[in-house]
Amino acid sequence: MLVDSDTIILIEVKTTLETSDVRKHLEKIDEYRRHIAADGFVQPHVRHLLPTTRFFGAAAGAVVTDEAKQFAHENGLHVIVQSGEAVEIVQTPEEFKAKEW
């Protein structure tokens, strides 16, 4: 989970990311979003932002199948892949629109 002042990105990370992993992550995002404040993931000094906080999703892996990339993008998730000793966000298709939960 990445947290900025008004944005939270929920990220599923796998060694090898496959379509089934992306599908499971999509199912869990809404549940995570509903429980973030209640479970204490958000610091008390920023809880007042939750009514206006934007939630996005991403999927990451050292190895990401082409099918998983396509499925993630079709469902509004960013895709992060290993690139040498760092990571990079996979270029999204032209028609891509990040889904906000």
PDB file of N, CA and C in Angstrom:
ATOM      1  N   MET A   1       0.847  -1.162   0.000  1.00  0.00           N
ATOM      2  CA  MET A   1       0.000   0.000   0.000  1.00  0.00           C
ATOM      3  C   MET A   1       0.895   1.229   0.000  1.00  0.00           C
ATOM      4  N   LEU A   2       0.628   2.133  -0.914  1.00  0.00           N
ATOM      5  CA  LEU A   2       1.306   3.434  -0.953  1.00  0.00           C
ATOM      6  C   LEU A   2       0.311   4.492  -0.526  1.00  0.00           C
ATOM      7  N   VAL A   3       0.725   5.381   0.360  1.00  0.00           N
ATOM      8  CA  VAL A   3      -0.172   6.405   0.878  1.00  0.00           C
ATOM      9  C   VAL A   3       0.438   7.768   0.648  1.00  0.00           C
ATOM     10  N   ASP A   4      -0.336   8.647   0.042  1.00  0.00           N
ATOM     11  CA  ASP A   4       0.020  10.051  -0.084  1.00  0.00           C
ATOM     12  C   ASP A   4      -1.094  10.811   0.623  1.00  0.00           C
ATOM     13  N   SER A   5      -1.025  12.107   0.656  1.00  0.00           N
ATOM     14  CA  SER A   5      -1.979  12.876   1.448  1.00  0.00           C
ATOM     15  C   SER A   5      -3.436  12.581   1.105  1.00  0.00           C
ATOM     16  N   ASP A   6      -3.775  12.401  -0.156  1.00  0.00           N
ATOM     17  CA  ASP A   6      -5.171  12.154  -0.518  1.00  0.00           C
ATOM     18  C   ASP A   6      -5.340  10.973  -1.466  1.00  0.00           C
ATOM     19  N   THR A   7      -4.316  10.160  -1.606  1.00  0.00           N
ATOM     20  CA  THR A   7      -4.352   9.031  -2.535  1.00  0.00           C
ATOM     21  C   THR A   7      -3.725   7.797  -1.897  1.00  0.00           C
ATOM     22  N   ILE A   8      -4.393   6.665  -2.057  1.00  0.00           N
ATOM     23  CA  ILE A   8      -3.860   5.388  -1.600  1.00  0.00           C
ATOM     24  C   ILE A   8      -3.863   4.451  -2.794  1.00  0.00           C
ATOM     25  N   ILE A   9      -2.744   3.766  -3.018  1.00  0.00           N
ATOM     26  CA  ILE A   9      -2.656   2.782  -4.086  1.00  0.00           C
ATOM     27  C   ILE A   9      -2.434   1.422  -3.433  1.00  0.00           C
ATOM     28  N   LEU A  10      -3.362   0.516  -3.694  1.00  0.00           N
ATOM     29  CA  LEU A  10      -3.274  -0.835  -3.154  1.00  0.00           C
ATOM     30  C   LEU A  10      -2.598  -1.712  -4.204  1.00  0.00           C
ATOM     31  N   ILE A  11      -1.476  -2.328  -3.825  1.00  0.00           N
ATOM     32  CA  ILE A  11      -0.649  -3.062  -4.781  1.00  0.00           C
ATOM     33  C   ILE A  11      -0.539  -4.527  -4.386  1.00  0.00           C
ATOM     34  N   GLU A  12      -0.799  -5.394  -5.351  1.00  0.00           N
ATOM     35  CA  GLU A  12      -0.574  -6.829  -5.188  1.00  0.00           C
ATOM     36  C   GLU A  12       0.799  -7.121  -5.768  1.00  0.00           C
ATOM     37  N   VAL A  13       1.661  -7.778  -4.996  1.00  0.00           N
ATOM     38  CA  VAL A  13       3.023  -8.064  -5.445  1.00  0.00           C
ATOM     39  C   VAL A  13       3.241  -9.579  -5.437  1.00  0.00           C
ATOM     40  N   LYS A  14       3.700 -10.092  -6.556  1.00  0.00           N
ATOM     41  CA  LYS A  14       3.996 -11.519  -6.696  1.00  0.00           C
ATOM     42  C   LYS A  14       5.346 -11.673  -7.383  1.00  0.00           C
ATOM     43  N   THR A  15       6.005 -12.782  -7.147  1.00  0.00           N
ATOM     44  CA  THR A  15       7.227 -13.072  -7.883  1.00  0.00           C
ATOM     45  C   THR A  15       6.881 -13.221  -9.361  1.00  0.00           C
ATOM     46  N   THR A  16       5.877 -14.056  -9.646  1.00  0.00           N
ATOM     47  CA  THR A  16       5.354 -14.197 -11.004  1.00  0.00           C
ATOM     48  C   THR A  16       3.886 -13.814 -10.963  1.00  0.00           C
ATOM     49  N   LEU A  17       3.543 -12.717 -11.611  1.00  0.00           N
ATOM     50  CA  LEU A  17       2.167 -12.213 -11.613  1.00  0.00           C
ATOM     51  C   LEU A  17       1.411 -12.811 -12.786  1.00  0.00           C
ATOM     52  N   GLU A  18       0.310 -13.476 -12.474  1.00  0.00           N
ATOM     53  CA  GLU A  18      -0.525 -14.093 -13.490  1.00  0.00           C
ATOM     54  C   GLU A  18      -1.930 -13.510 -13.415  1.00  0.00           C
ATOM     55  N   THR A  19      -2.731 -13.802 -14.420  1.00  0.00           N
ATOM     56  CA  THR A  19      -4.092 -13.278 -14.486  1.00  0.00           C
ATOM     57  C   THR A  19      -4.894 -13.639 -13.241  1.00  0.00           C
ATOM     58  N   SER A  20      -4.746 -14.841 -12.738  1.00  0.00           N
ATOM     59  CA  SER A  20      -5.496 -15.249 -11.547  1.00  0.00           C
ATOM     60  C   SER A  20      -5.138 -14.383 -10.337  1.00  0.00           C
ATOM     61  N   ASP A  21      -3.886 -13.956 -10.240  1.00  0.00           N
ATOM     62  CA  ASP A  21      -3.470 -13.062  -9.144  1.00  0.00           C
ATOM     63  C   ASP A  21      -4.145 -11.701  -9.279  1.00  0.00           C
ATOM     64  N   VAL A  22      -4.213 -11.202 -10.493  1.00  0.00           N
ATOM     65  CA  VAL A  22      -4.865  -9.909 -10.738  1.00  0.00           C
ATOM     66  C   VAL A  22      -6.349 -10.009 -10.399  1.00  0.00           C
ATOM     67  N   ARG A  23      -6.975 -11.090 -10.815  1.00  0.00           N
ATOM     68  CA  ARG A  23      -8.402 -11.295 -10.538  1.00  0.00           C
ATOM     69  C   ARG A  23      -8.657 -11.292  -9.029  1.00  0.00           C
ATOM     70  N   LYS A  24      -7.834 -11.998  -8.261  1.00  0.00           N
ATOM     71  CA  LYS A  24      -7.990 -12.039  -6.802  1.00  0.00           C
ATOM     72  C   LYS A  24      -7.786 -10.657  -6.192  1.00  0.00           C
ATOM     73  N   HIS A  25      -6.807  -9.911  -6.711  1.00  0.00           N
ATOM     74  CA  HIS A  25      -6.545  -8.572  -6.191  1.00  0.00           C
ATOM     75  C   HIS A  25      -7.747  -7.655  -6.429  1.00  0.00           C
ATOM     76  N   LEU A  26      -8.341  -7.736  -7.601  1.00  0.00           N
ATOM     77  CA  LEU A  26      -9.525  -6.929  -7.899  1.00  0.00           C
ATOM     78  C   LEU A  26     -10.644  -7.217  -6.907  1.00  0.00           C
ATOM     79  N   GLU A  27     -10.808  -8.476  -6.546  1.00  0.00           N
ATOM     80  CA  GLU A  27     -11.843  -8.848  -5.583  1.00  0.00           C
ATOM     81  C   GLU A  27     -11.567  -8.278  -4.194  1.00  0.00           C
ATOM     82  N   LYS A  28     -10.285  -8.163  -3.847  1.00  0.00           N
ATOM     83  CA  LYS A  28      -9.911  -7.714  -2.501  1.00  0.00           C
ATOM     84  C   LYS A  28      -9.847  -6.197  -2.348  1.00  0.00           C
ATOM     85  N   ILE A  29      -9.688  -5.468  -3.442  1.00  0.00           N
ATOM     86  CA  ILE A  29      -9.472  -4.015  -3.326  1.00  0.00           C
ATOM     87  C   ILE A  29     -10.606  -3.325  -2.587  1.00  0.00           C
ATOM     88  N   ASP A  30     -11.847  -3.611  -2.942  1.00  0.00           N
ATOM     89  CA  ASP A  30     -12.958  -2.923  -2.289  1.00  0.00           C
ATOM     90  C   ASP A  30     -13.004  -3.242  -0.800  1.00  0.00           C
ATOM     91  N   GLU A  31     -12.730  -4.496  -0.455  1.00  0.00           N
ATOM     92  CA  GLU A  31     -12.704  -4.882   0.957  1.00  0.00           C
ATOM     93  C   GLU A  31     -11.597  -4.137   1.701  1.00  0.00           C
ATOM     94  N   TYR A  32     -10.416  -4.073   1.118  1.00  0.00           N
ATOM     95  CA  TYR A  32      -9.318  -3.322   1.733  1.00  0.00           C
ATOM     96  C   TYR A  32      -9.711  -1.860   1.937  1.00  0.00           C
ATOM     97  N   ARG A  33     -10.289  -1.274   0.917  1.00  0.00           N
ATOM     98  CA  ARG A  33     -10.662   0.140   0.978  1.00  0.00           C
ATOM     99  C   ARG A  33     -11.607   0.404   2.143  1.00  0.00           C
ATOM    100  N   ARG A  34     -12.566  -0.481   2.341  1.00  0.00           N
ATOM    101  CA  ARG A  34     -13.545  -0.275   3.420  1.00  0.00           C
ATOM    102  C   ARG A  34     -12.927  -0.423   4.803  1.00  0.00           C
ATOM    103  N   HIS A  35     -11.872  -1.197   4.926  1.00  0.00           N
ATOM    104  CA  HIS A  35     -11.307  -1.493   6.241  1.00  0.00           C
ATOM    105  C   HIS A  35     -10.045  -0.711   6.585  1.00  0.00           C
ATOM    106  N   ILE A  36      -9.549   0.065   5.691  1.00  0.00           N
ATOM    107  CA  ILE A  36      -8.281   0.754   5.934  1.00  0.00           C
ATOM    108  C   ILE A  36      -8.314   1.636   7.175  1.00  0.00           C
ATOM    109  N   ALA A  37      -9.303   2.482   7.320  1.00  0.00           N
ATOM    110  CA  ALA A  37      -9.354   3.372   8.488  1.00  0.00           C
ATOM    111  C   ALA A  37      -9.616   2.581   9.763  1.00  0.00           C
ATOM    112  N   ALA A  38     -10.537   1.620   9.704  1.00  0.00           N
ATOM    113  CA  ALA A  38     -10.901   0.855  10.890  1.00  0.00           C
ATOM    114  C   ALA A  38      -9.744   0.020  11.410  1.00  0.00           C
ATOM    115  N   ASP A  39      -8.898  -0.460  10.529  1.00  0.00           N
ATOM    116  CA  ASP A  39      -7.801  -1.328  10.943  1.00  0.00           C
ATOM    117  C   ASP A  39      -6.527  -0.576  11.303  1.00  0.00           C
ATOM    118  N   GLY A  40      -6.561   0.748  11.224  1.00  0.00           N
ATOM    119  CA  GLY A  40      -5.422   1.527  11.668  1.00  0.00           C
ATOM    120  C   GLY A  40      -4.304   1.691  10.664  1.00  0.00           C
ATOM    121  N   PHE A  41      -4.552   1.409   9.384  1.00  0.00           N
ATOM    122  CA  PHE A  41      -3.507   1.578   8.383  1.00  0.00           C
ATOM    123  C   PHE A  41      -3.245   3.055   8.085  1.00  0.00           C
ATOM    124  N   VAL A  42      -4.231   3.890   8.357  1.00  0.00           N
ATOM    125  CA  VAL A  42      -4.080   5.312   8.092  1.00  0.00           C
ATOM    126  C   VAL A  42      -3.811   6.005   9.422  1.00  0.00           C
ATOM    127  N   GLN A  43      -2.779   6.797   9.460  1.00  0.00           N
ATOM    128  CA  GLN A  43      -2.394   7.483  10.686  1.00  0.00           C
ATOM    129  C   GLN A  43      -3.502   8.441  11.149  1.00  0.00           C
ATOM    130  N   PRO A  44      -3.690   8.584  12.451  1.00  0.00           N
ATOM    131  CA  PRO A  44      -4.771   9.434  12.966  1.00  0.00           C
ATOM    132  C   PRO A  44      -4.747  10.861  12.418  1.00  0.00           C
ATOM    133  N   HIS A  45      -3.573  11.430  12.187  1.00  0.00           N
ATOM    134  CA  HIS A  45      -3.513  12.814  11.725  1.00  0.00           C
ATOM    135  C   HIS A  45      -3.976  12.999  10.280  1.00  0.00           C
ATOM    136  N   VAL A  46      -4.232  11.905   9.550  1.00  0.00           N
ATOM    137  CA  VAL A  46      -4.761  12.038   8.182  1.00  0.00           C
ATOM    138  C   VAL A  46      -6.106  11.343   7.997  1.00  0.00           C
ATOM    139  N   ARG A  47      -6.676  10.792   9.061  1.00  0.00           N
ATOM    140  CA  ARG A  47      -7.976  10.102   8.931  1.00  0.00           C
ATOM    141  C   ARG A  47      -9.066  11.028   8.425  1.00  0.00           C
ATOM    142  N   HIS A  48      -8.982  12.303   8.731  1.00  0.00           N
ATOM    143  CA  HIS A  48     -10.003  13.241   8.260  1.00  0.00           C
ATOM    144  C   HIS A  48     -10.042  13.318   6.730  1.00  0.00           C
ATOM    145  N   LEU A  49      -8.991  12.864   6.064  1.00  0.00           N
ATOM    146  CA  LEU A  49      -8.938  12.887   4.607  1.00  0.00           C
ATOM    147  C   LEU A  49      -9.697  11.725   3.969  1.00  0.00           C
ATOM    148  N   LEU A  50     -10.018  10.684   4.755  1.00  0.00           N
ATOM    149  CA  LEU A  50     -10.622   9.490   4.167  1.00  0.00           C
ATOM    150  C   LEU A  50     -11.885   9.752   3.346  1.00  0.00           C
ATOM    151  N   PRO A  51     -12.766  10.645   3.753  1.00  0.00           N
ATOM    152  CA  PRO A  51     -13.945  10.858   2.894  1.00  0.00           C
ATOM    153  C   PRO A  51     -13.575  11.345   1.488  1.00  0.00           C
ATOM    154  N   THR A  52     -12.430  11.971   1.327  1.00  0.00           N
ATOM    155  CA  THR A  52     -12.032  12.464   0.007  1.00  0.00           C
ATOM    156  C   THR A  52     -10.829  11.718  -0.556  1.00  0.00           C
ATOM    157  N   THR A  53     -10.380  10.684   0.130  1.00  0.00           N
ATOM    158  CA  THR A  53      -9.226   9.925  -0.334  1.00  0.00           C
ATOM    159  C   THR A  53      -9.582   9.146  -1.591  1.00  0.00           C
ATOM    160  N   ARG A  54      -8.674   9.149  -2.534  1.00  0.00           N
ATOM    161  CA  ARG A  54      -8.850   8.407  -3.781  1.00  0.00           C
ATOM    162  C   ARG A  54      -8.077   7.096  -3.674  1.00  0.00           C
ATOM    163  N   PHE A  55      -8.724   6.001  -4.056  1.00  0.00           N
ATOM    164  CA  PHE A  55      -8.107   4.672  -4.012  1.00  0.00           C
ATOM    165  C   PHE A  55      -7.906   4.161  -5.426  1.00  0.00           C
ATOM    166  N   PHE A  56      -6.679   3.715  -5.722  1.00  0.00           N
ATOM    167  CA  PHE A  56      -6.350   3.124  -7.008  1.00  0.00           C
ATOM    168  C   PHE A  56      -5.704   1.771  -6.748  1.00  0.00           C
ATOM    169  N   GLY A  57      -5.527   1.005  -7.802  1.00  0.00           N
ATOM    170  CA  GLY A  57      -4.910  -0.306  -7.653  1.00  0.00           C
ATOM    171  C   GLY A  57      -3.760  -0.492  -8.620  1.00  0.00           C
ATOM    172  N   ALA A  58      -2.877  -1.402  -8.265  1.00  0.00           N
ATOM    173  CA  ALA A  58      -1.751  -1.763  -9.130  1.00  0.00           C
ATOM    174  C   ALA A  58      -1.395  -3.215  -8.840  1.00  0.00           C
ATOM    175  N   ALA A  59      -0.731  -3.827  -9.808  1.00  0.00           N
ATOM    176  CA  ALA A  59      -0.250  -5.195  -9.653  1.00  0.00           C
ATOM    177  C   ALA A  59       1.214  -5.199 -10.066  1.00  0.00           C
ATOM    178  N   ALA A  60       2.031  -5.936  -9.322  1.00  0.00           N
ATOM    179  CA  ALA A  60       3.469  -5.922  -9.577  1.00  0.00           C
ATOM    180  C   ALA A  60       4.044  -7.321  -9.528  1.00  0.00           C
ATOM    181  N   GLY A  61       5.123  -7.515 -10.284  1.00  0.00           N
ATOM    182  CA  GLY A  61       5.803  -8.794 -10.246  1.00  0.00           C
ATOM    183  C   GLY A  61       7.188  -8.709 -10.859  1.00  0.00           C
ATOM    184  N   ALA A  62       8.054  -9.602 -10.423  1.00  0.00           N
ATOM    185  CA  ALA A  62       9.371  -9.695 -11.048  1.00  0.00           C
ATOM    186  C   ALA A  62       9.196 -10.203 -12.474  1.00  0.00           C
ATOM    187  N   VAL A  63       8.241 -11.124 -12.643  1.00  0.00           N
ATOM    188  CA  VAL A  63       7.861 -11.633 -13.959  1.00  0.00           C
ATOM    189  C   VAL A  63       6.360 -11.418 -14.072  1.00  0.00           C
ATOM    190  N   VAL A  64       5.923 -10.794 -15.149  1.00  0.00           N
ATOM    191  CA  VAL A  64       4.503 -10.524 -15.358  1.00  0.00           C
ATOM    192  C   VAL A  64       4.124 -11.058 -16.736  1.00  0.00           C
ATOM    193  N   THR A  65       3.151 -11.950 -16.762  1.00  0.00           N
ATOM    194  CA  THR A  65       2.724 -12.503 -18.050  1.00  0.00           C
ATOM    195  C   THR A  65       2.029 -11.428 -18.873  1.00  0.00           C
ATOM    196  N   ASP A  66       2.086 -11.573 -20.192  1.00  0.00           N
ATOM    197  CA  ASP A  66       1.405 -10.619 -21.072  1.00  0.00           C
ATOM    198  C   ASP A  66      -0.098 -10.609 -20.803  1.00  0.00           C
ATOM    199  N   GLU A  67      -0.652 -11.790 -20.536  1.00  0.00           N
ATOM    200  CA  GLU A  67      -2.082 -11.880 -20.247  1.00  0.00           C
ATOM    201  C   GLU A  67      -2.433 -11.119 -18.963  1.00  0.00           C
ATOM    202  N   ALA A  68      -1.584 -11.216 -17.962  1.00  0.00           N
ATOM    203  CA  ALA A  68      -1.825 -10.504 -16.698  1.00  0.00           C
ATOM    204  C   ALA A  68      -1.756  -8.998 -16.919  1.00  0.00           C
ATOM    205  N   LYS A  69      -0.779  -8.536 -17.708  1.00  0.00           N
ATOM    206  CA  LYS A  69      -0.685  -7.103 -18.014  1.00  0.00           C
ATOM    207  C   LYS A  69      -1.954  -6.621 -18.685  1.00  0.00           C
ATOM    208  N   GLN A  70      -2.382  -7.336 -19.704  1.00  0.00           N
ATOM    209  CA  GLN A  70      -3.567  -6.931 -20.454  1.00  0.00           C
ATOM    210  C   GLN A  70      -4.803  -6.929 -19.558  1.00  0.00           C
ATOM    211  N   PHE A  71      -4.979  -7.987 -18.768  1.00  0.00           N
ATOM    212  CA  PHE A  71      -6.139  -8.084 -17.885  1.00  0.00           C
ATOM    213  C   PHE A  71      -6.128  -6.960 -16.846  1.00  0.00           C
ATOM    214  N   ALA A  72      -4.970  -6.684 -16.274  1.00  0.00           N
ATOM    215  CA  ALA A  72      -4.857  -5.608 -15.285  1.00  0.00           C
ATOM    216  C   ALA A  72      -5.217  -4.266 -15.915  1.00  0.00           C
ATOM    217  N   HIS A  73      -4.668  -3.978 -17.068  1.00  0.00           N
ATOM    218  CA  HIS A  73      -4.966  -2.709 -17.741  1.00  0.00           C
ATOM    219  C   HIS A  73      -6.446  -2.609 -18.105  1.00  0.00           C
ATOM    220  N   GLU A  74      -7.032  -3.697 -18.580  1.00  0.00           N
ATOM    221  CA  GLU A  74      -8.457  -3.688 -18.926  1.00  0.00           C
ATOM    222  C   GLU A  74      -9.332  -3.391 -17.713  1.00  0.00           C
ATOM    223  N   ASN A  75      -8.830  -3.700 -16.524  1.00  0.00           N
ATOM    224  CA  ASN A  75      -9.586  -3.495 -15.290  1.00  0.00           C
ATOM    225  C   ASN A  75      -9.113  -2.283 -14.498  1.00  0.00           C
ATOM    226  N   GLY A  76      -8.345  -1.406 -15.133  1.00  0.00           N
ATOM    227  CA  GLY A  76      -7.976  -0.142 -14.514  1.00  0.00           C
ATOM    228  C   GLY A  76      -6.833  -0.173 -13.529  1.00  0.00           C
ATOM    229  N   LEU A  77      -6.027  -1.243 -13.554  1.00  0.00           N
ATOM    230  CA  LEU A  77      -4.880  -1.335 -12.652  1.00  0.00           C
ATOM    231  C   LEU A  77      -3.599  -0.956 -13.385  1.00  0.00           C
ATOM    232  N   HIS A  78      -2.723  -0.256 -12.696  1.00  0.00           N
ATOM    233  CA  HIS A  78      -1.380  -0.034 -13.221  1.00  0.00           C
ATOM    234  C   HIS A  78      -0.588  -1.328 -13.019  1.00  0.00           C
ATOM    235  N   VAL A  79       0.430  -1.523 -13.841  1.00  0.00           N
ATOM    236  CA  VAL A  79       1.267  -2.718 -13.736  1.00  0.00           C
ATOM    237  C   VAL A  79       2.711  -2.275 -13.519  1.00  0.00           C
ATOM    238  N   ILE A  80       3.351  -2.885 -12.523  1.00  0.00           N
ATOM    239  CA  ILE A  80       4.728  -2.558 -12.174  1.00  0.00           C
ATOM    240  C   ILE A  80       5.570  -3.811 -12.375  1.00  0.00           C
ATOM    241  N   VAL A  81       6.688  -3.669 -13.089  1.00  0.00           N
ATOM    242  CA  VAL A  81       7.553  -4.816 -13.354  1.00  0.00           C
ATOM    243  C   VAL A  81       8.976  -4.518 -12.898  1.00  0.00           C
ATOM    244  N   GLN A  82       9.708  -5.594 -12.645  1.00  0.00           N
ATOM    245  CA  GLN A  82      11.112  -5.448 -12.284  1.00  0.00           C
ATOM    246  C   GLN A  82      11.893  -5.032 -13.526  1.00  0.00           C
ATOM    247  N   SER A  83      12.816  -4.110 -13.323  1.00  0.00           N
ATOM    248  CA  SER A  83      13.657  -3.635 -14.411  1.00  0.00           C
ATOM    249  C   SER A  83      15.074  -3.503 -13.864  1.00  0.00           C
ATOM    250  N   GLY A  84      15.869  -4.528 -14.055  1.00  0.00           N
ATOM    251  CA  GLY A  84      17.208  -4.522 -13.465  1.00  0.00           C
ATOM    252  C   GLY A  84      17.090  -4.585 -11.959  1.00  0.00           C
ATOM    253  N   GLU A  85      17.712  -3.625 -11.276  1.00  0.00           N
ATOM    254  CA  GLU A  85      17.650  -3.585  -9.820  1.00  0.00           C
ATOM    255  C   GLU A  85      16.565  -2.649  -9.313  1.00  0.00           C
ATOM    256  N   ALA A  86      15.739  -2.141 -10.220  1.00  0.00           N
ATOM    257  CA  ALA A  86      14.656  -1.229  -9.854  1.00  0.00           C
ATOM    258  C   ALA A  86      13.343  -1.771 -10.413  1.00  0.00           C
ATOM    259  N   VAL A  87      12.312  -0.966 -10.367  1.00  0.00           N
ATOM    260  CA  VAL A  87      11.025  -1.317 -10.965  1.00  0.00           C
ATOM    261  C   VAL A  87      10.571  -0.175 -11.847  1.00  0.00           C
ATOM    262  N   GLU A  88       9.639  -0.484 -12.749  1.00  0.00           N
ATOM    263  CA  GLU A  88       9.075   0.549 -13.601  1.00  0.00           C
ATOM    264  C   GLU A  88       7.600   0.256 -13.826  1.00  0.00           C
ATOM    265  N   ILE A  89       6.850   1.302 -14.081  1.00  0.00           N
ATOM    266  CA  ILE A  89       5.436   1.161 -14.407  1.00  0.00           C
ATOM    267  C   ILE A  89       5.339   0.865 -15.895  1.00  0.00           C
ATOM    268  N   VAL A  90       4.633  -0.199 -16.226  1.00  0.00           N
ATOM    269  CA  VAL A  90       4.461  -0.587 -17.628  1.00  0.00           C
ATOM    270  C   VAL A  90       3.652   0.493 -18.344  1.00  0.00           C
ATOM    271  N   GLN A  91       4.072   0.830 -19.546  1.00  0.00           N
ATOM    272  CA  GLN A  91       3.337   1.815 -20.339  1.00  0.00           C
ATOM    273  C   GLN A  91       1.923   1.301 -20.564  1.00  0.00           C
ATOM    274  N   THR A  92       0.955   2.161 -20.328  1.00  0.00           N
ATOM    275  CA  THR A  92      -0.443   1.763 -20.461  1.00  0.00           C
ATOM    276  C   THR A  92      -0.914   1.939 -21.898  1.00  0.00           C
ATOM    277  N   PRO A  93      -1.921   1.156 -22.301  1.00  0.00           N
ATOM    278  CA  PRO A  93      -2.492   1.338 -23.634  1.00  0.00           C
ATOM    279  C   PRO A  93      -3.118   2.735 -23.747  1.00  0.00           C
ATOM    280  N   GLU A  94      -3.258   3.213 -24.956  1.00  0.00           N
ATOM    281  CA  GLU A  94      -3.779   4.560 -25.179  1.00  0.00           C
ATOM    282  C   GLU A  94      -5.155   4.765 -24.554  1.00  0.00           C
ATOM    283  N   GLU A  95      -5.998   3.733 -24.571  1.00  0.00           N
ATOM    284  CA  GLU A  95      -7.361   3.850 -24.056  1.00  0.00           C
ATOM    285  C   GLU A  95      -7.454   3.591 -22.540  1.00  0.00           C
ATOM    286  N   PHE A  96      -6.322   3.392 -21.886  1.00  0.00           N
ATOM    287  CA  PHE A  96      -6.300   3.063 -20.456  1.00  0.00           C
ATOM    288  C   PHE A  96      -6.881   4.195 -19.607  1.00  0.00           C
ATOM    289  N   LYS A  97      -7.697   3.803 -18.638  1.00  0.00           N
ATOM    290  CA  LYS A  97      -8.202   4.738 -17.631  1.00  0.00           C
ATOM    291  C   LYS A  97      -8.085   4.037 -16.286  1.00  0.00           C
ATOM    292  N   ALA A  98      -7.306   4.628 -15.401  1.00  0.00           N
ATOM    293  CA  ALA A  98      -7.135   4.041 -14.062  1.00  0.00           C
ATOM    294  C   ALA A  98      -8.483   4.039 -13.342  1.00  0.00           C
ATOM    295  N   LYS A  99      -8.823   2.896 -12.763  1.00  0.00           N
ATOM    296  CA  LYS A  99     -10.075   2.788 -12.031  1.00  0.00           C
ATOM    297  C   LYS A  99      -9.886   3.355 -10.628  1.00  0.00           C
ATOM    298  N   GLU A 100     -10.869   4.092 -10.206  1.00  0.00           N
ATOM    299  CA  GLU A 100     -10.855   4.633  -8.842  1.00  0.00           C
ATOM    300  C   GLU A 100     -11.931   3.927  -8.032  1.00  0.00           C
ATOM    301  N   TRP A 101     -11.514   3.384  -6.864  1.00  0.00           N
ATOM    302  CA  TRP A 101     -12.466   2.676  -6.009  1.00  0.00           C
ATOM    303  C   TRP A 101     -13.006   3.601  -4.952  1.00  0.00           C
TER     304      TRP A 101
END
